[in-house]
Amino acid sequence: MLSKEKLQRISVLSKKSKSQGLTVEEAKEQTTLRKEYLDTFRTSMRETIENVRVFDPEGNEVTPEKLRQKQNKNNRLN
């Protein structure tokens, strides 16, 4: 999770970019912060998806085989 300060800085830079433009240094900072945010988001989303189990209305597990294999592989490592 990104710190509150970094998230606020992303917002500040975004607003400034729309209103008056950014300096070269600010644009680089914005790019770095956005990349860090996306990396954090993707990691979190991947971890969430890899821990999901899917059930049909009758209660039978119908988790896709590829996902089950990934979950089994992860469980062996832990």
N, C-alpha and C. Protein backbone atom coordinates (compact mmCIF):
# COMPACT_ATOMS: atom_id res chain seq x y z
N MET A 1 0.84 -1.18 0.00
CA MET A 1 0.00 0.00 0.00
C MET A 1 0.89 1.24 0.00
N LEU A 2 0.55 2.18 -0.83
CA LEU A 2 1.29 3.43 -0.88
C LEU A 2 0.93 4.30 0.32
N SER A 3 1.90 5.05 0.78
CA SER A 3 1.65 5.92 1.93
C SER A 3 0.67 7.03 1.56
N LYS A 4 0.03 7.57 2.58
CA LYS A 4 -0.91 8.66 2.38
C LYS A 4 -0.23 9.85 1.71
N GLU A 5 1.01 10.11 2.11
CA GLU A 5 1.75 11.25 1.58
C GLU A 5 1.99 11.08 0.07
N LYS A 6 2.33 9.87 -0.34
CA LYS A 6 2.58 9.62 -1.77
C LYS A 6 1.28 9.75 -2.57
N LEU A 7 0.18 9.24 -2.02
CA LEU A 7 -1.10 9.37 -2.71
C LEU A 7 -1.51 10.83 -2.83
N GLN A 8 -1.29 11.59 -1.78
CA GLN A 8 -1.61 13.02 -1.83
C GLN A 8 -0.72 13.73 -2.85
N ARG A 9 0.54 13.33 -2.91
CA ARG A 9 1.46 13.97 -3.87
C ARG A 9 1.03 13.66 -5.31
N ILE A 10 0.58 12.44 -5.56
CA ILE A 10 0.07 12.09 -6.89
C ILE A 10 -1.10 13.01 -7.25
N SER A 11 -2.00 13.24 -6.30
CA SER A 11 -3.16 14.10 -6.55
C SER A 11 -2.73 15.54 -6.81
N VAL A 12 -1.80 16.04 -6.01
CA VAL A 12 -1.31 17.41 -6.18
C VAL A 12 -0.69 17.59 -7.57
N LEU A 13 0.15 16.63 -7.94
CA LEU A 13 0.80 16.73 -9.25
C LEU A 13 -0.20 16.63 -10.39
N SER A 14 -1.20 15.81 -10.22
CA SER A 14 -2.23 15.66 -11.25
C SER A 14 -3.00 16.97 -11.43
N LYS A 15 -3.40 17.58 -10.33
CA LYS A 15 -4.13 18.85 -10.40
C LYS A 15 -3.27 19.95 -11.01
N LYS A 16 -2.00 19.99 -10.60
CA LYS A 16 -1.10 21.00 -11.13
C LYS A 16 -0.87 20.78 -12.62
N SER A 17 -0.77 19.54 -13.03
CA SER A 17 -0.57 19.22 -14.44
C SER A 17 -1.72 19.74 -15.30
N LYS A 18 -2.94 19.61 -14.78
CA LYS A 18 -4.13 20.05 -15.51
C LYS A 18 -4.26 21.57 -15.52
N SER A 19 -3.84 22.22 -14.44
CA SER A 19 -4.06 23.66 -14.33
C SER A 19 -2.94 24.51 -14.92
N GLN A 20 -1.70 24.16 -14.62
CA GLN A 20 -0.62 25.04 -15.09
C GLN A 20 0.55 24.30 -15.71
N GLY A 21 0.57 23.01 -15.65
CA GLY A 21 1.67 22.24 -16.22
C GLY A 21 2.72 21.92 -15.17
N LEU A 22 3.57 20.96 -15.50
CA LEU A 22 4.58 20.51 -14.56
C LEU A 22 5.98 20.83 -15.08
N THR A 23 6.90 21.02 -14.14
CA THR A 23 8.30 21.15 -14.53
C THR A 23 8.80 19.78 -14.92
N VAL A 24 9.98 19.71 -15.51
CA VAL A 24 10.56 18.43 -15.91
C VAL A 24 10.74 17.52 -14.69
N GLU A 25 11.21 18.10 -13.58
CA GLU A 25 11.42 17.31 -12.37
C GLU A 25 10.10 16.78 -11.82
N GLU A 26 9.08 17.62 -11.84
CA GLU A 26 7.76 17.20 -11.34
C GLU A 26 7.17 16.11 -12.23
N ALA A 27 7.36 16.22 -13.54
CA ALA A 27 6.85 15.21 -14.46
C ALA A 27 7.54 13.87 -14.20
N LYS A 28 8.84 13.90 -13.94
CA LYS A 28 9.56 12.67 -13.63
C LYS A 28 9.06 12.08 -12.31
N GLU A 29 8.85 12.94 -11.33
CA GLU A 29 8.34 12.49 -10.04
C GLU A 29 6.96 11.86 -10.21
N GLN A 30 6.12 12.51 -11.01
CA GLN A 30 4.77 11.99 -11.24
C GLN A 30 4.83 10.61 -11.90
N THR A 31 5.70 10.47 -12.88
CA THR A 31 5.84 9.19 -13.57
C THR A 31 6.30 8.10 -12.61
N THR A 32 7.27 8.43 -11.76
CA THR A 32 7.78 7.47 -10.78
C THR A 32 6.69 7.07 -9.78
N LEU A 33 5.96 8.05 -9.28
CA LEU A 33 4.89 7.77 -8.31
C LEU A 33 3.77 6.95 -8.94
N ARG A 34 3.41 7.26 -10.17
CA ARG A 34 2.36 6.50 -10.85
C ARG A 34 2.79 5.06 -11.07
N LYS A 35 4.04 4.87 -11.46
CA LYS A 35 4.55 3.52 -11.67
C LYS A 35 4.52 2.74 -10.35
N GLU A 36 4.95 3.36 -9.27
CA GLU A 36 4.93 2.71 -7.97
C GLU A 36 3.49 2.35 -7.56
N TYR A 37 2.56 3.28 -7.81
CA TYR A 37 1.15 3.04 -7.49
C TYR A 37 0.61 1.84 -8.29
N LEU A 38 0.88 1.82 -9.59
CA LEU A 38 0.38 0.73 -10.43
C LEU A 38 1.00 -0.61 -10.05
N ASP A 39 2.29 -0.62 -9.73
CA ASP A 39 2.94 -1.85 -9.30
C ASP A 39 2.29 -2.38 -8.03
N THR A 40 2.03 -1.49 -7.08
CA THR A 40 1.40 -1.87 -5.82
C THR A 40 -0.01 -2.39 -6.07
N PHE A 41 -0.76 -1.70 -6.91
CA PHE A 41 -2.12 -2.11 -7.23
C PHE A 41 -2.13 -3.49 -7.89
N ARG A 42 -1.25 -3.69 -8.87
CA ARG A 42 -1.21 -4.97 -9.58
C ARG A 42 -0.85 -6.12 -8.66
N THR A 43 0.11 -5.89 -7.78
CA THR A 43 0.50 -6.93 -6.83
C THR A 43 -0.66 -7.30 -5.92
N SER A 44 -1.33 -6.29 -5.41
CA SER A 44 -2.47 -6.51 -4.53
C SER A 44 -3.60 -7.25 -5.26
N MET A 45 -3.89 -6.83 -6.48
CA MET A 45 -4.95 -7.47 -7.26
C MET A 45 -4.60 -8.92 -7.58
N ARG A 46 -3.35 -9.16 -7.94
CA ARG A 46 -2.91 -10.52 -8.25
C ARG A 46 -3.07 -11.42 -7.02
N GLU A 47 -2.65 -10.93 -5.85
CA GLU A 47 -2.78 -11.71 -4.62
C GLU A 47 -4.24 -12.00 -4.30
N THR A 48 -5.10 -11.03 -4.52
CA THR A 48 -6.53 -11.22 -4.27
C THR A 48 -7.10 -12.28 -5.20
N ILE A 49 -6.83 -12.15 -6.47
CA ILE A 49 -7.37 -13.09 -7.46
C ILE A 49 -6.85 -14.50 -7.21
N GLU A 50 -5.57 -14.61 -6.84
CA GLU A 50 -5.00 -15.93 -6.62
C GLU A 50 -5.55 -16.62 -5.38
N ASN A 51 -6.29 -15.90 -4.56
CA ASN A 51 -6.89 -16.51 -3.37
C ASN A 51 -8.40 -16.68 -3.47
N VAL A 52 -8.96 -16.47 -4.65
CA VAL A 52 -10.40 -16.58 -4.85
C VAL A 52 -10.78 -18.02 -5.18
N ARG A 53 -11.88 -18.45 -4.60
CA ARG A 53 -12.48 -19.74 -4.96
C ARG A 53 -13.87 -19.44 -5.50
N VAL A 54 -14.24 -20.12 -6.57
CA VAL A 54 -15.52 -19.87 -7.24
C VAL A 54 -16.44 -21.07 -7.03
N PHE A 55 -17.70 -20.76 -6.65
CA PHE A 55 -18.70 -21.81 -6.42
C PHE A 55 -19.93 -21.54 -7.27
N ASP A 56 -20.54 -22.61 -7.77
CA ASP A 56 -21.78 -22.46 -8.53
C ASP A 56 -22.95 -22.40 -7.53
N PRO A 57 -24.18 -22.14 -8.02
CA PRO A 57 -25.33 -22.00 -7.12
C PRO A 57 -25.61 -23.23 -6.26
N GLU A 58 -25.18 -24.41 -6.71
CA GLU A 58 -25.39 -25.63 -5.93
C GLU A 58 -24.32 -25.83 -4.85
N GLY A 59 -23.32 -24.97 -4.83
CA GLY A 59 -22.27 -25.09 -3.83
C GLY A 59 -21.05 -25.87 -4.27
N ASN A 60 -21.00 -26.25 -5.55
CA ASN A 60 -19.85 -26.98 -6.07
C ASN A 60 -18.75 -26.00 -6.46
N GLU A 61 -17.53 -26.36 -6.11
CA GLU A 61 -16.43 -25.47 -6.48
C GLU A 61 -16.17 -25.58 -7.97
N VAL A 62 -16.13 -24.44 -8.65
CA VAL A 62 -15.89 -24.40 -10.09
C VAL A 62 -14.73 -23.44 -10.42
N THR A 63 -13.79 -23.36 -9.49
CA THR A 63 -12.63 -22.51 -9.71
C THR A 63 -11.89 -23.01 -10.95
N PRO A 64 -11.52 -22.12 -11.86
CA PRO A 64 -10.79 -22.56 -13.07
C PRO A 64 -9.53 -23.35 -12.70
N GLU A 65 -9.25 -24.37 -13.48
CA GLU A 65 -8.12 -25.27 -13.20
C GLU A 65 -6.79 -24.52 -13.13
N LYS A 66 -6.60 -23.58 -14.01
CA LYS A 66 -5.34 -22.82 -14.01
C LYS A 66 -5.15 -22.09 -12.68
N LEU A 67 -6.23 -21.52 -12.17
CA LEU A 67 -6.17 -20.82 -10.89
C LEU A 67 -5.93 -21.80 -9.75
N ARG A 68 -6.57 -22.96 -9.78
CA ARG A 68 -6.36 -23.97 -8.74
C ARG A 68 -4.90 -24.43 -8.72
N GLN A 69 -4.32 -24.61 -9.90
CA GLN A 69 -2.92 -25.03 -9.96
C GLN A 69 -2.01 -23.97 -9.34
N LYS A 70 -2.30 -22.72 -9.61
CA LYS A 70 -1.51 -21.63 -9.05
C LYS A 70 -1.66 -21.60 -7.53
N GLN A 71 -2.88 -21.78 -7.04
CA GLN A 71 -3.12 -21.79 -5.60
C GLN A 71 -2.40 -22.95 -4.93
N ASN A 72 -2.43 -24.13 -5.55
CA ASN A 72 -1.74 -25.29 -5.00
C ASN A 72 -0.24 -25.06 -4.96
N LYS A 73 0.29 -24.47 -6.01
CA LYS A 73 1.72 -24.18 -6.08
C LYS A 73 2.11 -23.20 -4.95
N ASN A 74 1.30 -22.17 -4.76
CA ASN A 74 1.57 -21.17 -3.71
C ASN A 74 1.48 -21.79 -2.33
N ASN A 75 0.52 -22.68 -2.11
CA ASN A 75 0.36 -23.30 -0.80
C ASN A 75 1.53 -24.21 -0.44
N ARG A 76 2.12 -24.84 -1.43
CA ARG A 76 3.28 -25.70 -1.17
C ARG A 76 4.49 -24.88 -0.74
N LEU A 77 4.58 -23.67 -1.23
CA LEU A 77 5.73 -22.83 -0.91
C LEU A 77 5.60 -22.23 0.48
N ASN A 78 4.39 -22.10 1.00
CA ASN A 78 4.19 -21.46 2.31
C ASN A 78 4.39 -22.41 3.45
